[in-house]
Amino acid sequence: MWSAADAARHIALPRESDDKYSRGVLGLITGSAQYPGAAVLGVEAAARTGVGMIRYLGAQRAQDLILQRRPEAVMVDGRVQAWLIGSGMDHAAREPDAERHITAALGQNVPLVLDGGALDVVHRVTTPTVITPHYRELGRLLDEPTESIAATPRDWAESAATQLGCTVLLKGHTTYVSDGTTTAAIAAAPAWLATAGAGDALGGILGALVATHSPAVLANPALLVGLAATASYVHGRAAALASDGGPLTILDLCSNVSRVVAELAAACTDAVATDTRPQC
């Protein structure tokens, strides 16, 4: 099981010499005219996880909503350290502009996070990639029965990672992350988290963590297991704080992400100070 101590090792602490580019730029190709809110939630969660800049490429309606919520987001293409693609898209009918942006993103040497309506893009990737399906989405992607995946999720996360050549974050009450060699389990979330938009926020958290570790991931794709497990831990812990035993909204969750990251950063700093975790 992935612990807070494990997660603390995967938080990129900003240095005095950092600027917005060295802290990581996350690009998002998410949302759609039909589901613009998914883009808003992904951007919100990413911003609160910690990156130097967010670039968004997507539907105009989503752009407008994002700028109302997060005016610091940039709405033009440019340099990024990672891409989050697919949240709030229909895999069977992606918009032409989205396809164009996705094709361009696949030509860049940066890590990828594929969610929702872009899981099928995994067959086209050439850089380190993590996908974030739930049981039904993984069943569709592998053409396998959903019931079988739900019955043995750990086995299927490992098998899918081997088949697809990527890291798989299989969402559920217990989430499993595997690259086919290493597997982590995370059970930090309350049952109240089973609500619309939860996956969009998880994608934003994961995208931010990958962007802040981009050079290391390119050098060692195995790091994606720890980063994805940490994203799931942060997501679940933020949900628990937002819930406090009752219902929550995903914006409530997002508002607690910074607090969770601060907890982990403090734990990492304390460990470094006592030389018990110098790799933080």
Protein backbone atom coordinates (compact mmCIF):
# COMPACT_ATOMS: atom_id res chain seq x y z
CA MET A 1 0.00 0.00 0.00
CA TRP A 2 1.27 3.46 -0.94
CA SER A 3 1.83 5.59 2.15
CA ALA A 4 2.23 9.28 2.94
CA ALA A 5 5.96 8.67 3.35
CA ASP A 6 6.10 7.15 -0.13
CA ALA A 7 4.16 10.07 -1.56
CA ALA A 8 6.41 12.63 0.15
CA ARG A 9 9.35 11.39 -1.89
CA HIS A 10 7.55 12.41 -5.10
CA ILE A 11 6.83 16.07 -4.40
CA ALA A 12 9.10 18.46 -6.31
CA LEU A 13 10.12 21.19 -3.87
CA PRO A 14 10.75 24.57 -5.57
CA ARG A 15 14.23 26.06 -5.27
CA GLU A 16 15.17 29.71 -5.01
CA SER A 17 16.77 29.50 -8.46
CA ASP A 18 13.58 28.18 -10.12
CA ASP A 19 11.47 30.10 -12.61
CA LYS A 20 8.09 29.20 -14.09
CA TYR A 21 9.69 27.02 -16.76
CA SER A 22 12.04 25.07 -14.52
CA ARG A 23 9.17 24.37 -12.12
CA GLY A 24 7.32 22.59 -14.93
CA VAL A 25 4.79 23.56 -17.57
CA LEU A 26 1.76 21.32 -18.00
CA GLY A 27 -0.14 21.34 -21.26
CA LEU A 28 -3.77 20.21 -21.29
CA ILE A 29 -5.81 19.03 -24.25
CA THR A 30 -8.99 18.30 -22.36
CA GLY A 31 -12.68 19.10 -22.25
CA SER A 32 -14.96 19.65 -25.21
CA ALA A 33 -17.95 21.71 -26.24
CA GLN A 34 -20.09 19.03 -24.58
CA TYR A 35 -18.03 18.68 -21.38
CA PRO A 36 -16.17 21.96 -20.75
CA GLY A 37 -16.26 21.52 -16.98
CA ALA A 38 -13.77 18.65 -17.16
CA ALA A 39 -11.15 21.07 -18.44
CA VAL A 40 -11.85 23.51 -15.61
CA LEU A 41 -11.45 20.80 -12.97
CA GLY A 42 -8.22 19.49 -14.47
CA VAL A 43 -6.68 22.95 -14.61
CA GLU A 44 -7.82 23.76 -11.07
CA ALA A 45 -6.36 20.56 -9.65
CA ALA A 46 -3.09 20.96 -11.54
CA ALA A 47 -2.66 24.56 -10.41
CA ARG A 48 -3.12 23.58 -6.77
CA THR A 49 -0.68 20.66 -7.07
CA GLY A 50 2.10 22.99 -8.14
CA VAL A 51 3.47 23.82 -11.59
CA GLY A 52 5.15 26.88 -13.04
CA MET A 53 2.62 27.33 -15.82
CA ILE A 54 -0.47 25.75 -17.33
CA ARG A 55 -1.15 25.83 -21.06
CA TYR A 56 -4.62 24.90 -22.26
CA LEU A 57 -5.61 23.98 -25.80
CA GLY A 58 -9.28 23.22 -26.27
CA ALA A 59 -12.82 24.35 -26.97
CA GLN A 60 -13.54 28.06 -26.72
CA ARG A 61 -16.27 27.54 -24.13
CA ALA A 62 -13.79 25.66 -21.94
CA GLN A 63 -11.18 28.39 -22.41
CA ASP A 64 -13.64 31.04 -21.26
CA LEU A 65 -14.61 29.05 -18.17
CA ILE A 66 -11.00 28.30 -17.26
CA LEU A 67 -10.01 31.96 -17.50
CA GLN A 68 -12.89 32.93 -15.22
CA ARG A 69 -11.61 30.47 -12.62
CA ARG A 70 -7.84 30.57 -13.24
CA PRO A 71 -6.83 33.74 -15.13
CA GLU A 72 -3.15 32.79 -14.92
CA ALA A 73 -3.69 29.88 -17.35
CA VAL A 74 -2.23 30.44 -20.82
CA MET A 75 -4.38 29.73 -23.87
CA VAL A 76 -1.69 29.46 -26.54
CA ASP A 77 0.57 26.62 -27.64
CA GLY A 78 4.20 26.59 -26.56
CA ARG A 79 6.80 24.81 -24.49
CA VAL A 80 5.55 22.16 -22.06
CA GLN A 81 7.14 19.47 -19.90
CA ALA A 82 4.15 17.09 -20.00
CA TRP A 83 0.72 16.75 -21.59
CA LEU A 84 -2.58 15.73 -20.02
CA ILE A 85 -4.95 14.60 -22.77
CA GLY A 86 -8.50 13.30 -22.95
CA SER A 87 -10.47 14.31 -19.84
CA GLY A 88 -14.00 15.32 -20.84
CA MET A 89 -13.73 14.01 -24.40
CA ASP A 90 -15.82 11.44 -26.27
CA HIS A 91 -13.45 8.78 -27.55
CA ALA A 92 -15.79 7.98 -30.44
CA ALA A 93 -16.17 11.57 -31.64
CA ARG A 94 -13.22 13.75 -30.72
CA GLU A 95 -13.41 17.27 -32.11
CA PRO A 96 -11.17 18.02 -35.15
CA ASP A 97 -9.16 20.67 -33.30
CA ALA A 98 -8.54 18.21 -30.47
CA GLU A 99 -7.23 15.63 -32.92
CA ARG A 100 -4.89 18.20 -34.42
CA HIS A 101 -3.55 19.22 -31.03
CA ILE A 102 -3.13 15.59 -29.96
CA THR A 103 -1.16 14.72 -33.09
CA ALA A 104 1.15 17.68 -32.48
CA ALA A 105 1.62 16.72 -28.81
CA LEU A 106 2.57 13.16 -29.75
CA GLY A 107 5.44 14.54 -31.80
CA GLN A 108 7.08 16.15 -28.75
CA ASN A 109 9.57 14.40 -26.50
CA VAL A 110 7.64 14.82 -23.24
CA PRO A 111 5.75 12.39 -20.97
CA LEU A 112 2.01 11.92 -21.45
CA VAL A 113 -1.00 11.36 -19.21
CA LEU A 114 -3.95 9.89 -21.13
CA ASP A 115 -7.42 10.02 -19.60
CA GLY A 116 -11.05 9.43 -20.56
CA GLY A 117 -11.64 10.06 -24.24
CA ALA A 118 -8.00 9.69 -25.28
CA LEU A 119 -7.10 6.30 -23.81
CA ASP A 120 -6.95 4.84 -27.32
CA VAL A 121 -4.12 7.26 -28.12
CA VAL A 122 -1.84 4.91 -26.12
CA HIS A 123 -1.42 2.89 -29.32
CA ARG A 124 0.29 5.90 -30.94
CA VAL A 125 2.67 7.06 -28.21
CA THR A 126 6.47 6.93 -28.32
CA THR A 127 7.31 8.63 -25.00
CA PRO A 128 6.75 7.56 -21.34
CA THR A 129 2.99 7.40 -20.81
CA VAL A 130 0.53 6.72 -17.99
CA ILE A 131 -3.14 5.98 -18.66
CA THR A 132 -5.92 6.43 -16.09
CA PRO A 133 -8.89 4.17 -16.91
CA HIS A 134 -11.63 2.86 -14.68
CA TYR A 135 -12.82 -0.75 -15.10
CA ARG A 136 -15.22 -0.11 -17.96
CA GLU A 137 -12.73 2.03 -19.88
CA LEU A 138 -9.99 -0.57 -19.53
CA GLY A 139 -12.39 -3.28 -20.66
CA ARG A 140 -13.21 -1.27 -23.78
CA LEU A 141 -9.55 -0.53 -24.45
CA LEU A 142 -8.52 -4.20 -24.16
CA ASP A 143 -11.78 -5.65 -25.50
CA GLU A 144 -12.18 -7.65 -22.31
CA PRO A 145 -15.21 -8.21 -20.02
CA THR A 146 -15.65 -5.47 -17.44
CA GLU A 147 -16.71 -8.05 -14.84
CA SER A 148 -13.40 -9.84 -15.12
CA ILE A 149 -11.43 -6.61 -14.63
CA ALA A 150 -13.55 -5.61 -11.64
CA ALA A 151 -13.01 -9.02 -10.04
CA THR A 152 -9.18 -8.97 -10.24
CA PRO A 153 -8.12 -5.35 -10.79
CA ARG A 154 -4.50 -5.75 -9.68
CA ASP A 155 -3.91 -8.56 -12.15
CA TRP A 156 -5.49 -6.57 -14.96
CA ALA A 157 -3.51 -3.41 -14.18
CA GLU A 158 -0.31 -5.43 -14.44
CA SER A 159 -1.43 -7.28 -17.58
CA ALA A 160 -2.60 -4.10 -19.30
CA ALA A 161 0.68 -2.33 -18.56
CA THR A 162 2.59 -5.20 -20.17
CA GLN A 163 0.28 -5.40 -23.18
CA LEU A 164 0.19 -1.66 -23.83
CA GLY A 165 3.77 -0.81 -22.92
CA CYS A 166 2.84 1.98 -20.50
CA THR A 167 2.02 2.66 -16.86
CA VAL A 168 -1.59 1.93 -15.92
CA LEU A 169 -3.46 3.66 -13.11
CA LEU A 170 -6.62 1.58 -12.73
CA LYS A 171 -9.10 3.65 -10.76
CA GLY A 172 -11.33 2.19 -8.07
CA HIS A 173 -11.97 2.31 -4.32
CA THR A 174 -8.55 0.68 -4.18
CA THR A 175 -6.50 2.05 -7.06
CA TYR A 176 -3.73 -0.02 -8.63
CA VAL A 177 -0.77 1.47 -10.48
CA SER A 178 1.56 -0.78 -12.45
CA ASP A 179 4.11 -0.72 -15.24
CA GLY A 180 4.09 -4.52 -15.43
CA THR A 181 7.14 -4.81 -13.17
CA THR A 182 6.27 -2.70 -10.12
CA THR A 183 2.75 -2.36 -8.70
CA ALA A 184 1.40 -0.04 -6.01
CA ALA A 185 -1.99 -0.05 -4.32
CA ILE A 186 -3.65 3.08 -2.94
CA ALA A 187 -6.76 3.18 -0.75
CA ALA A 188 -6.83 6.73 0.58
CA ALA A 189 -10.22 7.90 -0.70
CA PRO A 190 -13.65 7.96 0.96
CA ALA A 191 -16.60 6.31 -0.80
CA TRP A 192 -18.11 9.81 -1.22
CA LEU A 193 -15.51 10.38 -3.97
CA ALA A 194 -17.56 8.30 -6.43
CA THR A 195 -18.93 11.41 -8.12
CA ALA A 196 -18.74 13.14 -11.49
CA GLY A 197 -15.52 15.03 -12.12
CA ALA A 198 -13.34 13.03 -9.73
CA GLY A 199 -11.27 11.58 -12.57
CA ASP A 200 -10.78 15.00 -14.14
CA ALA A 201 -9.21 16.28 -10.92
CA LEU A 202 -7.03 13.19 -10.62
CA GLY A 203 -5.76 13.80 -14.14
CA GLY A 204 -4.80 17.36 -13.26
CA ILE A 205 -2.92 16.28 -10.13
CA LEU A 206 -1.07 13.56 -12.02
CA GLY A 207 -0.27 15.83 -14.96
CA ALA A 208 1.26 18.39 -12.60
CA LEU A 209 3.41 15.80 -10.83
CA VAL A 210 4.66 14.42 -14.14
CA ALA A 211 5.43 17.91 -15.48
CA THR A 212 7.49 18.76 -12.40
CA HIS A 213 9.49 15.54 -12.82
CA SER A 214 9.66 15.49 -16.62
CA PRO A 215 13.45 15.17 -17.17
CA ALA A 216 13.67 12.36 -14.60
CA VAL A 217 10.72 10.52 -16.20
CA LEU A 218 12.27 10.76 -19.66
CA ALA A 219 15.47 9.28 -18.25
CA ASN A 220 13.65 6.59 -16.23
CA PRO A 221 10.00 5.89 -17.18
CA ALA A 222 9.68 3.56 -14.18
CA LEU A 223 9.28 6.71 -12.06
CA LEU A 224 5.74 7.02 -13.43
CA VAL A 225 4.55 4.31 -11.03
CA GLY A 226 5.51 6.38 -7.98
CA LEU A 227 4.20 9.62 -9.46
CA ALA A 228 0.85 8.06 -10.40
CA ALA A 229 0.52 6.42 -6.98
CA THR A 230 1.31 9.75 -5.34
CA ALA A 231 -1.32 11.49 -7.47
CA SER A 232 -3.89 8.95 -6.32
CA TYR A 233 -2.81 9.42 -2.69
CA VAL A 234 -3.06 13.24 -2.92
CA HIS A 235 -6.46 12.91 -4.64
CA GLY A 236 -7.82 10.59 -1.98
CA ARG A 237 -6.43 12.55 0.96
CA ALA A 238 -7.82 15.82 -0.45
CA ALA A 239 -11.20 14.12 -0.88
CA ALA A 240 -11.14 12.93 2.73
CA LEU A 241 -10.43 16.46 3.95
CA ALA A 242 -13.16 17.90 1.73
CA SER A 243 -15.66 15.26 2.80
CA ASP A 244 -15.05 15.27 6.57
CA GLY A 245 -17.40 12.30 6.68
CA GLY A 246 -20.05 13.66 4.32
CA PRO A 247 -20.68 14.53 0.67
CA LEU A 248 -18.16 16.63 -1.24
CA THR A 249 -17.88 18.46 -4.53
CA ILE A 250 -14.82 18.18 -6.76
CA LEU A 251 -14.01 21.87 -6.33
CA ASP A 252 -14.03 21.15 -2.57
CA LEU A 253 -11.48 18.43 -3.27
CA CYS A 254 -9.36 20.74 -5.41
CA SER A 255 -9.33 23.40 -2.71
CA ASN A 256 -7.68 20.88 -0.35
CA VAL A 257 -4.99 19.69 -2.77
CA SER A 258 -2.56 22.46 -1.80
CA ARG A 259 -2.95 21.53 1.87
CA VAL A 260 -2.10 17.89 1.14
CA VAL A 261 0.92 18.87 -0.97
CA ALA A 262 2.07 21.12 1.88
CA GLU A 263 1.77 18.21 4.33
CA LEU A 264 3.87 16.00 2.08
CA ALA A 265 6.42 18.74 1.39
CA ALA A 266 6.85 19.31 5.13
CA ALA A 267 7.34 15.59 5.70
CA CYS A 268 9.91 15.48 2.92
CA THR A 269 11.77 18.52 4.29
CA ASP A 270 11.84 17.04 7.78
CA ALA A 271 13.20 13.77 6.43
CA VAL A 272 15.96 15.54 4.53
CA ALA A 273 16.88 17.58 7.62
CA THR A 274 17.40 14.36 9.59
CA ASP A 275 19.10 12.66 6.62
CA THR A 276 16.54 9.86 6.64
CA ARG A 277 15.22 10.55 3.16
CA PRO A 278 17.88 12.52 1.25
CA GLN A 279 16.40 11.60 -2.10
CA CYS A 280 13.40 13.93 -1.58
